[in-house]
Amino acid sequence: MGGRFVRNTVAGKRRGSKWPPNVRMTCLCEMLVNSNLHLVAQKHGVPESTLRGWWKDFTAKGVAEQAAVMAEAQRKAADAIAYNAASGARLAMEMLIARLERANKNAGRAEEINDALLAGELEAEEEARLKREKELRPPMGDYPLANFARVAMSVRDKALADSAQPQDAEGFAVEIRVVE
C-alpha cells in the first residue's frame, strides 16, 4: 500500500542531476529545526518529493549514524570556512605587501627627484617634468603605515586565536551532542 500522492508546490530545477551535498545537508538541518517541509522547499528551490526522500533516508539511519552524518557535514563546513578565511587573509597580506613595496619604490624615486631638483643643473622642461612626477608619487604617510601594521597584527592575532581553540584528532574544533 503506497502513500498518498501530494503534488509538489516547488518545481524541480535539476531534472536528471543530483543536488550538491551541501544543499542536501542544509535542507536536512533546516527540516530538523523547522519541521516545515514546504518552507524549506520554497527557501532552497528543492521539490517537496525530493525533501521527503532525503528525510526518509536520513531518519532510516540510527541516531549514531545520523550524528556521524551531521558531524561530517559540520567538519566540511568548518573546512570551507577555514579555507576561505585563510585565502582572504593571504590575499589581504599580499595586497598590503604589494602596497608597501610600491610605496617604498615611490619613496626612492621621490628621493632621486629631490636630489636632482636640489642639484639645480636641470633645464626648465626637465625640472617641470620632475615636479609633476613628484606630485604623482606622494610619500606614504604615518597614518596609512599604521593602518597596514594594524591590519597585519589583526590577521596574526586571529590566526593565533584560531589555533588556540581545543581541537580533535583531525585538527577541527567540532562538538556534536546526541540528545535522545
Protein backbone atom coordinates (compact mmCIF):
# COMPACT_ATOMS: atom_id res chain seq x y z
CA MET A 1 0.00 0.00 0.00
CA GLY A 2 1.60 3.23 -1.14
CA GLY A 3 1.46 6.68 0.35
CA ARG A 4 -0.96 9.35 -0.75
CA PHE A 5 0.20 11.38 -3.78
CA VAL A 6 0.93 15.02 -2.97
CA ARG A 7 1.76 17.40 -5.80
CA ASN A 8 4.97 19.42 -5.42
CA THR A 9 4.43 23.14 -4.91
CA VAL A 10 8.06 23.85 -5.80
CA ALA A 11 9.07 22.83 -9.30
CA GLY A 12 12.28 20.89 -9.69
CA LYS A 13 15.27 22.70 -11.19
CA ARG A 14 17.72 19.83 -11.54
CA ARG A 15 15.91 17.18 -13.54
CA GLY A 16 18.21 14.21 -14.02
CA SER A 17 21.07 15.56 -11.90
CA LYS A 18 21.91 15.26 -8.23
CA TRP A 19 21.71 18.12 -5.75
CA PRO A 20 25.02 19.19 -4.20
CA PRO A 21 25.69 17.58 -0.80
CA ASN A 22 25.81 20.97 0.93
CA VAL A 23 22.25 21.77 -0.25
CA ARG A 24 21.06 18.37 0.95
CA MET A 25 22.62 18.84 4.39
CA THR A 26 21.35 22.40 4.69
CA CYS A 27 17.82 21.26 3.89
CA LEU A 28 18.02 18.36 6.35
CA CYS A 29 19.29 20.65 9.11
CA GLU A 30 16.51 23.14 8.46
CA MET A 31 13.95 20.34 8.46
CA LEU A 32 15.27 19.23 11.86
CA VAL A 33 14.77 22.77 13.19
CA ASN A 34 11.64 23.89 11.30
CA SER A 35 9.91 20.61 10.51
CA ASN A 36 8.08 22.54 7.79
CA LEU A 37 8.70 20.81 4.50
CA HIS A 38 7.01 23.46 2.38
CA LEU A 39 9.04 26.39 3.79
CA VAL A 40 12.34 24.54 3.33
CA ALA A 41 11.35 23.60 -0.22
CA GLN A 42 10.49 27.21 -1.09
CA LYS A 43 13.62 28.62 0.50
CA HIS A 44 16.03 26.32 -1.34
CA GLY A 45 14.05 25.57 -4.51
CA VAL A 46 14.06 21.84 -3.84
CA PRO A 47 10.85 19.89 -4.64
CA GLU A 48 8.99 18.52 -1.62
CA SER A 49 9.20 15.00 -3.02
CA THR A 50 13.00 15.24 -3.04
CA LEU A 51 12.99 16.54 0.53
CA ARG A 52 10.70 13.69 1.60
CA GLY A 53 13.12 11.17 0.07
CA TRP A 54 16.11 12.77 1.78
CA TRP A 55 14.23 12.85 5.09
CA LYS A 56 13.20 9.21 4.74
CA ASP A 57 16.80 8.15 4.05
CA PHE A 58 18.08 10.25 6.94
CA THR A 59 15.55 9.02 9.52
CA ALA A 60 16.07 5.39 8.45
CA LYS A 61 19.58 5.64 9.93
CA GLY A 62 20.23 5.12 13.61
CA VAL A 63 20.89 8.02 15.97
CA ALA A 64 24.64 7.36 16.00
CA GLU A 65 24.79 7.27 12.20
CA GLN A 66 22.72 10.47 11.98
CA ALA A 67 25.16 12.16 14.36
CA ALA A 68 28.08 10.95 12.24
CA VAL A 69 26.46 12.35 9.08
CA MET A 70 25.88 15.71 10.77
CA ALA A 71 29.42 15.73 12.20
CA GLU A 72 30.86 15.10 8.73
CA ALA A 73 28.76 17.92 7.29
CA GLN A 74 29.87 20.24 10.09
CA ARG A 75 33.51 19.28 9.52
CA LYS A 76 33.22 20.03 5.80
CA ALA A 77 31.56 23.37 6.52
CA ALA A 78 34.31 24.23 9.01
CA ASP A 79 36.93 23.26 6.41
CA ALA A 80 35.32 25.55 3.83
CA ILE A 81 35.15 28.45 6.29
CA ALA A 82 38.76 27.96 7.36
CA TYR A 83 39.92 27.74 3.74
CA ASN A 84 38.05 30.92 2.78
CA ALA A 85 39.35 32.77 5.83
CA ALA A 86 42.93 31.68 5.14
CA SER A 87 42.62 32.65 1.47
CA GLY A 88 41.21 36.05 2.39
CA ALA A 89 43.97 36.67 4.93
CA ARG A 90 46.64 35.59 2.44
CA LEU A 91 45.26 37.88 -0.26
CA ALA A 92 44.98 40.78 2.18
CA MET A 93 48.60 40.32 3.23
CA GLU A 94 49.74 40.06 -0.40
CA MET A 95 47.90 43.30 -1.17
CA LEU A 96 49.48 45.02 1.85
CA ILE A 97 52.93 43.83 0.90
CA ALA A 98 52.49 44.99 -2.70
CA ARG A 99 51.26 48.39 -1.49
CA LEU A 100 54.22 48.77 0.87
CA GLU A 101 56.65 47.77 -1.88
CA ARG A 102 55.05 50.30 -4.22
CA ALA A 103 55.25 52.98 -1.51
CA ASN A 104 58.91 52.14 -0.90
CA LYS A 105 59.64 52.37 -4.64
CA ASN A 106 57.81 55.72 -4.82
CA ALA A 107 59.79 57.00 -1.84
CA GLY A 108 63.05 56.02 -3.53
CA ARG A 109 62.06 57.73 -6.77
CA ALA A 110 60.89 60.84 -4.86
CA GLU A 111 64.29 60.99 -3.20
CA GLU A 112 66.01 60.78 -6.60
CA ILE A 113 63.79 63.60 -7.88
CA ASN A 114 64.55 65.75 -4.84
CA ASP A 115 68.29 65.21 -5.33
CA ALA A 116 68.02 66.16 -8.99
CA LEU A 117 65.96 69.26 -8.21
CA LEU A 118 68.33 70.36 -5.44
CA ALA A 119 71.35 69.97 -7.71
CA GLY A 120 69.84 72.72 -9.87
CA GLU A 121 71.54 71.55 -13.09
CA LEU A 122 68.30 70.86 -14.97
CA GLU A 123 66.68 72.56 -17.89
CA ALA A 124 63.29 74.18 -17.29
CA GLU A 125 61.35 71.48 -19.15
CA GLU A 126 63.08 68.66 -17.27
CA GLU A 127 62.54 70.43 -13.95
CA ALA A 128 58.81 70.89 -14.67
CA ARG A 129 58.51 67.21 -15.67
CA LEU A 130 60.21 66.07 -12.47
CA LYS A 131 57.98 68.30 -10.34
CA ARG A 132 54.88 66.80 -11.99
CA GLU A 133 56.22 63.29 -11.44
CA LYS A 134 56.95 64.13 -7.81
CA GLU A 135 53.33 65.23 -7.36
CA LEU A 136 52.15 61.91 -8.80
CA ARG A 137 54.29 59.97 -6.30
CA PRO A 138 53.22 61.22 -2.89
CA PRO A 139 55.05 59.59 0.00
CA MET A 140 53.07 57.28 2.22
CA GLY A 141 52.29 58.99 5.50
CA ASP A 142 52.34 57.61 9.01
CA TYR A 143 48.58 57.05 9.14
CA PRO A 144 48.41 54.55 6.22
CA LEU A 145 51.52 52.79 7.51
CA ALA A 146 49.92 52.49 10.95
CA ASN A 147 46.76 51.07 9.33
CA PHE A 148 48.80 48.49 7.44
CA ALA A 149 50.57 47.47 10.65
CA ARG A 150 47.22 47.27 12.48
CA VAL A 151 45.73 45.00 9.79
CA ALA A 152 48.80 42.77 9.77
CA MET A 153 48.68 42.42 13.56
CA SER A 154 44.94 41.72 13.44
CA VAL A 155 45.42 38.92 10.91
CA ARG A 156 48.21 37.46 13.02
CA ASP A 157 46.15 37.67 16.23
CA LYS A 158 43.17 35.97 14.59
CA ALA A 159 45.37 33.17 13.28
CA LEU A 160 46.84 32.66 16.75
CA ALA A 161 43.41 32.73 18.39
CA ASP A 162 42.07 30.13 15.95
CA SER A 163 44.99 27.82 16.65
CA ALA A 164 44.40 28.10 20.44
CA GLN A 165 40.92 26.52 20.29
CA PRO A 166 40.62 22.93 21.50
CA GLN A 167 40.74 20.60 18.52
CA ASP A 168 40.03 16.96 17.82
CA ALA A 169 42.49 14.45 16.35
CA GLU A 170 41.98 15.85 12.84
CA GLY A 171 42.61 19.44 13.93
CA PHE A 172 38.99 20.66 13.95
CA ALA A 173 37.18 22.40 16.79
CA VAL A 174 33.99 20.35 16.49
CA GLU A 175 31.44 19.41 19.11
CA ILE A 176 28.43 17.16 18.40
CA ARG A 177 25.90 16.28 21.07
CA VAL A 178 23.37 13.49 20.61
CA VAL A 179 20.20 14.03 22.60
CA GLU A 180 17.88 11.05 22.91
